[in-house]
Amino acid sequence: MEKEMELEVKRFMAGEIAKGTSLSDLQQLVNEKFNQKLTYMDIRIMASELDGIDWNAHDPKAQAKAKAEEKAAAEAAKEAEAKAGAEGGDALEPDVEAVPGDGKTVVEVSKLVRPGTALSGTVKFASGSSAEWYVDQFGRLGLENLRGEKPTQADIEAFQKELERVFAR
Protein backbone atom coordinates (compact mmCIF):
# COMPACT_ATOMS: atom_id res chain seq x y z
CA MET A 1 0.00 0.00 0.00
CA GLU A 2 1.33 3.43 -0.91
CA LYS A 3 2.25 5.81 1.91
CA GLU A 4 -0.36 8.36 0.87
CA MET A 5 -3.07 5.70 0.75
CA GLU A 6 -1.96 4.27 4.10
CA LEU A 7 -2.07 7.75 5.66
CA GLU A 8 -5.60 8.28 4.32
CA VAL A 9 -6.69 4.87 5.64
CA LYS A 10 -5.20 5.64 9.05
CA ARG A 11 -7.04 8.99 9.21
CA PHE A 12 -10.27 7.21 8.38
CA MET A 13 -9.54 4.52 10.97
CA ALA A 14 -8.81 7.08 13.69
CA GLY A 15 -12.17 8.76 13.06
CA GLU A 16 -14.06 5.47 13.12
CA ILE A 17 -12.29 4.22 16.24
CA ALA A 18 -13.14 7.50 17.99
CA LYS A 19 -16.80 6.81 17.15
CA GLY A 20 -16.51 3.40 18.82
CA THR A 21 -16.37 1.19 15.71
CA SER A 22 -14.91 -2.26 16.43
CA LEU A 23 -11.84 -3.40 14.54
CA SER A 24 -13.74 -6.17 12.74
CA ASP A 25 -16.35 -3.65 11.53
CA LEU A 26 -13.52 -1.28 10.68
CA GLN A 27 -11.89 -3.97 8.54
CA GLN A 28 -15.06 -4.29 6.50
CA LEU A 29 -15.43 -0.50 6.14
CA VAL A 30 -11.82 -0.03 5.05
CA ASN A 31 -12.04 -2.87 2.54
CA GLU A 32 -15.22 -1.41 1.05
CA LYS A 33 -14.29 2.29 1.08
CA PHE A 34 -10.71 1.95 -0.13
CA ASN A 35 -11.20 -1.14 -2.30
CA GLN A 36 -8.48 -2.97 -0.35
CA LYS A 37 -8.12 -6.55 0.89
CA LEU A 38 -6.73 -5.93 4.38
CA THR A 39 -6.81 -8.71 6.95
CA TYR A 40 -7.92 -8.23 10.53
CA MET A 41 -4.24 -8.40 11.56
CA ASP A 42 -3.38 -5.64 9.07
CA ILE A 43 -6.09 -3.47 10.64
CA ARG A 44 -4.82 -4.24 14.16
CA ILE A 45 -1.26 -3.34 13.23
CA MET A 46 -2.31 -0.09 11.56
CA ALA A 47 -4.54 0.77 14.52
CA SER A 48 -1.68 0.17 16.96
CA GLU A 49 0.38 2.76 15.07
CA LEU A 50 -2.26 5.47 15.62
CA ASP A 51 -1.44 8.11 18.21
CA GLY A 52 -3.91 9.78 20.53
CA ILE A 53 -6.52 7.01 20.54
CA ASP A 54 -8.29 6.30 23.84
CA TRP A 55 -8.81 2.56 23.44
CA ASN A 56 -10.80 2.39 26.67
CA ALA A 57 -13.32 5.09 25.75
CA HIS A 58 -15.92 2.58 24.56
CA ASP A 59 -14.87 -0.43 26.68
CA PRO A 60 -17.25 -0.91 29.65
CA LYS A 61 -14.78 -3.19 31.48
CA ALA A 62 -11.98 -0.65 31.23
CA GLN A 63 -14.30 2.17 32.32
CA ALA A 64 -15.48 0.13 35.33
CA LYS A 65 -11.86 -0.63 36.27
CA ALA A 66 -10.91 3.05 36.00
CA LYS A 67 -13.84 4.04 38.25
CA ALA A 68 -12.83 1.40 40.79
CA GLU A 69 -9.25 2.68 40.78
CA GLU A 70 -10.40 6.27 41.26
CA LYS A 71 -12.64 5.18 44.14
CA ALA A 72 -9.79 3.24 45.78
CA ALA A 73 -7.46 6.23 45.44
CA ALA A 74 -10.08 8.56 46.94
CA GLU A 75 -10.65 6.16 49.85
CA ALA A 76 -6.90 5.90 50.46
CA ALA A 77 -6.60 9.67 50.48
CA LYS A 78 -9.54 9.95 52.91
CA GLU A 79 -7.95 7.37 55.22
CA ALA A 80 -4.64 9.23 55.15
CA GLU A 81 -6.43 12.52 55.82
CA ALA A 82 -8.40 11.03 58.71
CA LYS A 83 -5.21 9.54 60.16
CA ALA A 84 -3.41 12.88 59.86
CA GLY A 85 -6.34 14.60 61.57
CA ALA A 86 -6.24 12.06 64.41
CA GLU A 87 -2.51 12.62 64.87
CA GLY A 88 -2.83 16.29 65.64
CA GLY A 89 -4.21 18.17 62.71
CA ASP A 90 -2.84 19.23 59.41
CA ALA A 91 0.91 19.30 59.89
CA LEU A 92 1.70 19.35 56.18
CA GLU A 93 4.59 21.50 55.08
CA PRO A 94 4.01 24.26 52.53
CA ASP A 95 4.55 23.37 48.89
CA VAL A 96 8.33 23.06 48.94
CA GLU A 97 9.74 20.77 46.31
CA ALA A 98 12.03 18.16 47.84
CA VAL A 99 15.16 17.18 45.96
CA PRO A 100 16.48 13.63 46.37
CA GLY A 101 19.32 13.52 48.89
CA ASP A 102 18.43 16.73 50.74
CA GLY A 103 17.19 14.93 53.86
CA LYS A 104 13.53 15.09 52.92
CA THR A 105 11.18 12.33 51.90
CA VAL A 106 10.55 12.25 48.13
CA VAL A 107 7.48 10.49 46.73
CA GLU A 108 6.99 9.82 43.03
CA VAL A 109 3.77 8.48 41.47
CA SER A 110 4.15 6.10 38.54
CA LYS A 111 2.20 6.92 35.38
CA LEU A 112 1.80 3.18 34.73
CA VAL A 113 -0.63 1.14 36.79
CA ARG A 114 0.89 -2.12 38.00
CA PRO A 115 -1.32 -5.23 37.98
CA GLY A 116 -3.19 -5.63 41.26
CA THR A 117 -2.76 -1.99 42.28
CA ALA A 118 -4.78 1.18 41.96
CA LEU A 119 -1.72 3.44 42.31
CA SER A 120 1.99 2.90 42.74
CA GLY A 121 5.32 4.66 42.73
CA THR A 122 8.62 5.06 44.54
CA VAL A 123 9.71 6.73 47.76
CA LYS A 124 13.12 7.91 48.94
CA PHE A 125 13.12 8.35 52.69
CA ALA A 126 14.99 11.13 54.50
CA SER A 127 17.20 8.45 56.07
CA GLY A 128 18.45 7.45 52.60
CA SER A 129 16.48 4.21 52.16
CA SER A 130 14.19 3.80 49.19
CA ALA A 131 11.29 1.50 48.31
CA GLU A 132 8.40 0.99 45.95
CA TRP A 133 4.93 1.78 47.31
CA TYR A 134 1.45 0.84 46.14
CA VAL A 135 -2.21 1.28 46.98
CA ASP A 136 -4.28 -1.79 46.17
CA GLN A 137 -7.90 -1.90 44.97
CA PHE A 138 -9.07 -1.91 48.59
CA GLY A 139 -7.19 1.27 49.47
CA ARG A 140 -4.45 -0.47 51.47
CA LEU A 141 -1.01 1.14 51.35
CA GLY A 142 2.04 -1.11 51.11
CA LEU A 143 5.81 -0.98 50.66
CA GLU A 144 8.01 -3.48 48.83
CA ASN A 145 11.50 -3.84 47.34
CA LEU A 146 13.11 -1.90 50.19
CA ARG A 147 16.67 -0.78 49.45
CA GLY A 148 18.83 0.27 52.38
CA GLU A 149 17.98 0.34 56.08
CA LYS A 150 14.48 -0.33 57.37
CA PRO A 151 12.65 3.03 57.46
CA THR A 152 12.13 4.54 60.90
CA GLN A 153 8.70 5.44 62.28
CA ALA A 154 9.50 9.09 61.47
CA ASP A 155 10.33 8.04 57.87
CA ILE A 156 6.96 6.26 57.53
CA GLU A 157 5.06 9.24 58.94
CA ALA A 158 6.91 11.64 56.62
CA PHE A 159 6.16 9.31 53.68
CA GLN A 160 2.44 9.24 54.49
CA LYS A 161 2.32 13.04 54.82
CA GLU A 162 4.26 13.53 51.58
CA LEU A 163 2.00 11.02 49.78
CA GLU A 164 -1.03 12.93 51.03
CA ARG A 165 0.52 16.22 49.86
CA VAL A 166 1.21 14.75 46.40
CA PHE A 167 -2.41 13.65 46.02
CA ALA A 168 -3.75 16.96 47.32
CA ARG A 169 -2.28 18.79 44.28
C-alpha atoms as a PDB file:
ATOM      1  CA  MET A   1       0.000   0.000   0.000  1.00  0.00           C
ATOM      2  CA  GLU A   2       1.335   3.431  -0.907  1.00  0.00           C
ATOM      3  CA  LYS A   3       2.254   5.809   1.910  1.00  0.00           C
ATOM      4  CA  GLU A   4      -0.363   8.362   0.871  1.00  0.00           C
ATOM      5  CA  MET A   5      -3.069   5.697   0.751  1.00  0.00           C
ATOM      6  CA  GLU A   6      -1.958   4.274   4.100  1.00  0.00           C
ATOM      7  CA  LEU A   7      -2.071   7.750   5.664  1.00  0.00           C
ATOM      8  CA  GLU A   8      -5.596   8.280   4.317  1.00  0.00           C
ATOM      9  CA  VAL A   9      -6.691   4.869   5.644  1.00  0.00           C
ATOM     10  CA  LYS A  10      -5.196   5.644   9.053  1.00  0.00           C
ATOM     11  CA  ARG A  11      -7.041   8.991   9.209  1.00  0.00           C
ATOM     12  CA  PHE A  12     -10.275   7.209   8.375  1.00  0.00           C
ATOM     13  CA  MET A  13      -9.536   4.518  10.974  1.00  0.00           C
ATOM     14  CA  ALA A  14      -8.814   7.078  13.686  1.00  0.00           C
ATOM     15  CA  GLY A  15     -12.170   8.758  13.057  1.00  0.00           C
ATOM     16  CA  GLU A  16     -14.056   5.474  13.120  1.00  0.00           C
ATOM     17  CA  ILE A  17     -12.290   4.221  16.245  1.00  0.00           C
ATOM     18  CA  ALA A  18     -13.144   7.497  17.992  1.00  0.00           C
ATOM     19  CA  LYS A  19     -16.800   6.808  17.146  1.00  0.00           C
ATOM     20  CA  GLY A  20     -16.515   3.395  18.820  1.00  0.00           C
ATOM     21  CA  THR A  21     -16.367   1.192  15.714  1.00  0.00           C
ATOM     22  CA  SER A  22     -14.914  -2.258  16.426  1.00  0.00           C
ATOM     23  CA  LEU A  23     -11.845  -3.401  14.542  1.00  0.00           C
ATOM     24  CA  SER A  24     -13.742  -6.166  12.742  1.00  0.00           C
ATOM     25  CA  ASP A  25     -16.351  -3.651  11.530  1.00  0.00           C
ATOM     26  CA  LEU A  26     -13.523  -1.280  10.677  1.00  0.00           C
ATOM     27  CA  GLN A  27     -11.890  -3.971   8.536  1.00  0.00           C
ATOM     28  CA  GLN A  28     -15.064  -4.289   6.496  1.00  0.00           C
ATOM     29  CA  LEU A  29     -15.434  -0.497   6.145  1.00  0.00           C
ATOM     30  CA  VAL A  30     -11.816  -0.026   5.054  1.00  0.00           C
ATOM     31  CA  ASN A  31     -12.036  -2.871   2.540  1.00  0.00           C
ATOM     32  CA  GLU A  32     -15.219  -1.408   1.050  1.00  0.00           C
ATOM     33  CA  LYS A  33     -14.293   2.291   1.081  1.00  0.00           C
ATOM     34  CA  PHE A  34     -10.709   1.948  -0.133  1.00  0.00           C
ATOM     35  CA  ASN A  35     -11.195  -1.141  -2.295  1.00  0.00           C
ATOM     36  CA  GLN A  36      -8.476  -2.969  -0.348  1.00  0.00           C
ATOM     37  CA  LYS A  37      -8.116  -6.551   0.894  1.00  0.00           C
ATOM     38  CA  LEU A  38      -6.732  -5.929   4.377  1.00  0.00           C
ATOM     39  CA  THR A  39      -6.812  -8.706   6.952  1.00  0.00           C
ATOM     40  CA  TYR A  40      -7.915  -8.226  10.529  1.00  0.00           C
ATOM     41  CA  MET A  41      -4.245  -8.404  11.564  1.00  0.00           C
ATOM     42  CA  ASP A  42      -3.381  -5.639   9.067  1.00  0.00           C
ATOM     43  CA  ILE A  43      -6.088  -3.470  10.641  1.00  0.00           C
ATOM     44  CA  ARG A  44      -4.822  -4.238  14.158  1.00  0.00           C
ATOM     45  CA  ILE A  45      -1.259  -3.341  13.227  1.00  0.00           C
ATOM     46  CA  MET A  46      -2.307  -0.092  11.558  1.00  0.00           C
ATOM     47  CA  ALA A  47      -4.543   0.773  14.521  1.00  0.00           C
ATOM     48  CA  SER A  48      -1.682   0.166  16.956  1.00  0.00           C
ATOM     49  CA  GLU A  49       0.376   2.756  15.074  1.00  0.00           C
ATOM     50  CA  LEU A  50      -2.259   5.468  15.616  1.00  0.00           C
ATOM     51  CA  ASP A  51      -1.438   8.115  18.209  1.00  0.00           C
ATOM     52  CA  GLY A  52      -3.910   9.781  20.534  1.00  0.00           C
ATOM     53  CA  ILE A  53      -6.518   7.012  20.535  1.00  0.00           C
ATOM     54  CA  ASP A  54      -8.288   6.298  23.838  1.00  0.00           C
ATOM     55  CA  TRP A  55      -8.806   2.563  23.436  1.00  0.00           C
ATOM     56  CA  ASN A  56     -10.796   2.389  26.673  1.00  0.00           C
ATOM     57  CA  ALA A  57     -13.317   5.090  25.753  1.00  0.00           C
ATOM     58  CA  HIS A  58     -15.916   2.575  24.558  1.00  0.00           C
ATOM     59  CA  ASP A  59     -14.872  -0.431  26.681  1.00  0.00           C
ATOM     60  CA  PRO A  60     -17.251  -0.909  29.647  1.00  0.00           C
ATOM     61  CA  LYS A  61     -14.784  -3.194  31.479  1.00  0.00           C
ATOM     62  CA  ALA A  62     -11.982  -0.647  31.232  1.00  0.00           C
ATOM     63  CA  GLN A  63     -14.303   2.169  32.319  1.00  0.00           C
ATOM     64  CA  ALA A  64     -15.479   0.133  35.329  1.00  0.00           C
ATOM     65  CA  LYS A  65     -11.857  -0.625  36.271  1.00  0.00           C
ATOM     66  CA  ALA A  66     -10.914   3.055  35.996  1.00  0.00           C
ATOM     67  CA  LYS A  67     -13.839   4.043  38.246  1.00  0.00           C
ATOM     68  CA  ALA A  68     -12.833   1.398  40.794  1.00  0.00           C
ATOM     69  CA  GLU A  69      -9.250   2.679  40.777  1.00  0.00           C
ATOM     70  CA  GLU A  70     -10.404   6.274  41.262  1.00  0.00           C
ATOM     71  CA  LYS A  71     -12.639   5.184  44.138  1.00  0.00           C
ATOM     72  CA  ALA A  72      -9.793   3.240  45.784  1.00  0.00           C
ATOM     73  CA  ALA A  73      -7.460   6.226  45.442  1.00  0.00           C
ATOM     74  CA  ALA A  74     -10.084   8.556  46.940  1.00  0.00           C
ATOM     75  CA  GLU A  75     -10.652   6.164  49.849  1.00  0.00           C
ATOM     76  CA  ALA A  76      -6.899   5.896  50.456  1.00  0.00           C
ATOM     77  CA  ALA A  77      -6.605   9.675  50.479  1.00  0.00           C
ATOM     78  CA  LYS A  78      -9.544   9.952  52.914  1.00  0.00           C
ATOM     79  CA  GLU A  79      -7.946   7.374  55.223  1.00  0.00           C
ATOM     80  CA  ALA A  80      -4.640   9.231  55.153  1.00  0.00           C
ATOM     81  CA  GLU A  81      -6.429  12.517  55.815  1.00  0.00           C
ATOM     82  CA  ALA A  82      -8.396  11.026  58.707  1.00  0.00           C
ATOM     83  CA  LYS A  83      -5.207   9.544  60.161  1.00  0.00           C
ATOM     84  CA  ALA A  84      -3.407  12.883  59.860  1.00  0.00           C
ATOM     85  CA  GLY A  85      -6.339  14.599  61.575  1.00  0.00           C
ATOM     86  CA  ALA A  86      -6.238  12.063  64.407  1.00  0.00           C
ATOM     87  CA  GLU A  87      -2.508  12.621  64.865  1.00  0.00           C
ATOM     88  CA  GLY A  88      -2.832  16.288  65.638  1.00  0.00           C
ATOM     89  CA  GLY A  89      -4.213  18.174  62.714  1.00  0.00           C
ATOM     90  CA  ASP A  90      -2.838  19.233  59.409  1.00  0.00           C
ATOM     91  CA  ALA A  91       0.907  19.302  59.886  1.00  0.00           C
ATOM     92  CA  LEU A  92       1.701  19.353  56.182  1.00  0.00           C
ATOM     93  CA  GLU A  93       4.588  21.501  55.076  1.00  0.00           C
ATOM     94  CA  PRO A  94       4.007  24.257  52.533  1.00  0.00           C
ATOM     95  CA  ASP A  95       4.552  23.366  48.891  1.00  0.00           C
ATOM     96  CA  VAL A  96       8.331  23.060  48.937  1.00  0.00           C
ATOM     97  CA  GLU A  97       9.745  20.766  46.308  1.00  0.00           C
ATOM     98  CA  ALA A  98      12.032  18.163  47.835  1.00  0.00           C
ATOM     99  CA  VAL A  99      15.163  17.178  45.960  1.00  0.00           C
ATOM    100  CA  PRO A 100      16.481  13.630  46.374  1.00  0.00           C
ATOM    101  CA  GLY A 101      19.316  13.522  48.891  1.00  0.00           C
ATOM    102  CA  ASP A 102      18.431  16.734  50.737  1.00  0.00           C
ATOM    103  CA  GLY A 103      17.189  14.925  53.861  1.00  0.00           C
ATOM    104  CA  LYS A 104      13.526  15.088  52.920  1.00  0.00           C
ATOM    105  CA  THR A 105      11.182  12.325  51.899  1.00  0.00           C
ATOM    106  CA  VAL A 106      10.550  12.250  48.135  1.00  0.00           C
ATOM    107  CA  VAL A 107       7.477  10.490  46.731  1.00  0.00           C
ATOM    108  CA  GLU A 108       6.985   9.815  43.029  1.00  0.00           C
ATOM    109  CA  VAL A 109       3.767   8.476  41.471  1.00  0.00           C
ATOM    110  CA  SER A 110       4.146   6.102  38.541  1.00  0.00           C
ATOM    111  CA  LYS A 111       2.202   6.918  35.385  1.00  0.00           C
ATOM    112  CA  LEU A 112       1.802   3.182  34.733  1.00  0.00           C
ATOM    113  CA  VAL A 113      -0.628   1.137  36.787  1.00  0.00           C
ATOM    114  CA  ARG A 114       0.894  -2.121  37.996  1.00  0.00           C
ATOM    115  CA  PRO A 115      -1.322  -5.229  37.979  1.00  0.00           C
ATOM    116  CA  GLY A 116      -3.185  -5.629  41.257  1.00  0.00           C
ATOM    117  CA  THR A 117      -2.763  -1.985  42.281  1.00  0.00           C
ATOM    118  CA  ALA A 118      -4.782   1.179  41.958  1.00  0.00           C
ATOM    119  CA  LEU A 119      -1.716   3.435  42.310  1.00  0.00           C
ATOM    120  CA  SER A 120       1.994   2.898  42.738  1.00  0.00           C
ATOM    121  CA  GLY A 121       5.316   4.665  42.733  1.00  0.00           C
ATOM    122  CA  THR A 122       8.617   5.057  44.536  1.00  0.00           C
ATOM    123  CA  VAL A 123       9.713   6.729  47.756  1.00  0.00           C
ATOM    124  CA  LYS A 124      13.123   7.908  48.936  1.00  0.00           C
ATOM    125  CA  PHE A 125      13.119   8.347  52.689  1.00  0.00           C
ATOM    126  CA  ALA A 126      14.989  11.127  54.502  1.00  0.00           C
ATOM    127  CA  SER A 127      17.205   8.447  56.071  1.00  0.00           C
ATOM    128  CA  GLY A 128      18.454   7.449  52.596  1.00  0.00           C
ATOM    129  CA  SER A 129      16.481   4.212  52.160  1.00  0.00           C
ATOM    130  CA  SER A 130      14.194   3.795  49.186  1.00  0.00           C
ATOM    131  CA  ALA A 131      11.293   1.499  48.310  1.00  0.00           C
ATOM    132  CA  GLU A 132       8.397   0.989  45.949  1.00  0.00           C
ATOM    133  CA  TRP A 133       4.930   1.781  47.307  1.00  0.00           C
ATOM    134  CA  TYR A 134       1.452   0.837  46.138  1.00  0.00           C
ATOM    135  CA  VAL A 135      -2.210   1.279  46.983  1.00  0.00           C
ATOM    136  CA  ASP A 136      -4.279  -1.793  46.169  1.00  0.00           C
ATOM    137  CA  GLN A 137      -7.896  -1.900  44.967  1.00  0.00           C
ATOM    138  CA  PHE A 138      -9.074  -1.911  48.588  1.00  0.00           C
ATOM    139  CA  GLY A 139      -7.188   1.273  49.474  1.00  0.00           C
ATOM    140  CA  ARG A 140      -4.446  -0.469  51.470  1.00  0.00           C
ATOM    141  CA  LEU A 141      -1.010   1.137  51.354  1.00  0.00           C
ATOM    142  CA  GLY A 142       2.038  -1.114  51.113  1.00  0.00           C
ATOM    143  CA  LEU A 143       5.809  -0.977  50.659  1.00  0.00           C
ATOM    144  CA  GLU A 144       8.014  -3.478  48.834  1.00  0.00           C
ATOM    145  CA  ASN A 145      11.496  -3.842  47.339  1.00  0.00           C
ATOM    146  CA  LEU A 146      13.113  -1.901  50.192  1.00  0.00           C
ATOM    147  CA  ARG A 147      16.667  -0.781  49.452  1.00  0.00           C
ATOM    148  CA  GLY A 148      18.825   0.266  52.377  1.00  0.00           C
ATOM    149  CA  GLU A 149      17.976   0.336  56.076  1.00  0.00           C
ATOM    150  CA  LYS A 150      14.478  -0.326  57.372  1.00  0.00           C
ATOM    151  CA  PRO A 151      12.649   3.033  57.464  1.00  0.00           C
ATOM    152  CA  THR A 152      12.126   4.545  60.898  1.00  0.00           C
ATOM    153  CA  GLN A 153       8.698   5.444  62.278  1.00  0.00           C
ATOM    154  CA  ALA A 154       9.505   9.089  61.468  1.00  0.00           C
ATOM    155  CA  ASP A 155      10.326   8.043  57.869  1.00  0.00           C
ATOM    156  CA  ILE A 156       6.965   6.259  57.533  1.00  0.00           C
ATOM    157  CA  GLU A 157       5.056   9.244  58.943  1.00  0.00           C
ATOM    158  CA  ALA A 158       6.911  11.642  56.619  1.00  0.00           C
ATOM    159  CA  PHE A 159       6.159   9.305  53.684  1.00  0.00           C
ATOM    160  CA  GLN A 160       2.439   9.243  54.488  1.00  0.00           C
ATOM    161  CA  LYS A 161       2.320  13.038  54.818  1.00  0.00           C
ATOM    162  CA  GLU A 162       4.263  13.525  51.583  1.00  0.00           C
ATOM    163  CA  LEU A 163       1.996  11.019  49.782  1.00  0.00           C
ATOM    164  CA  GLU A 164      -1.031  12.929  51.034  1.00  0.00           C
ATOM    165  CA  ARG A 165       0.516  16.216  49.860  1.00  0.00           C
ATOM    166  CA  VAL A 166       1.215  14.755  46.403  1.00  0.00           C
ATOM    167  CA  PHE A 167      -2.409  13.647  46.021  1.00  0.00           C
ATOM    168  CA  ALA A 168      -3.752  16.964  47.318  1.00  0.00           C
ATOM    169  CA  ARG A 169      -2.283  18.785  44.283  1.00  0.00           C
END
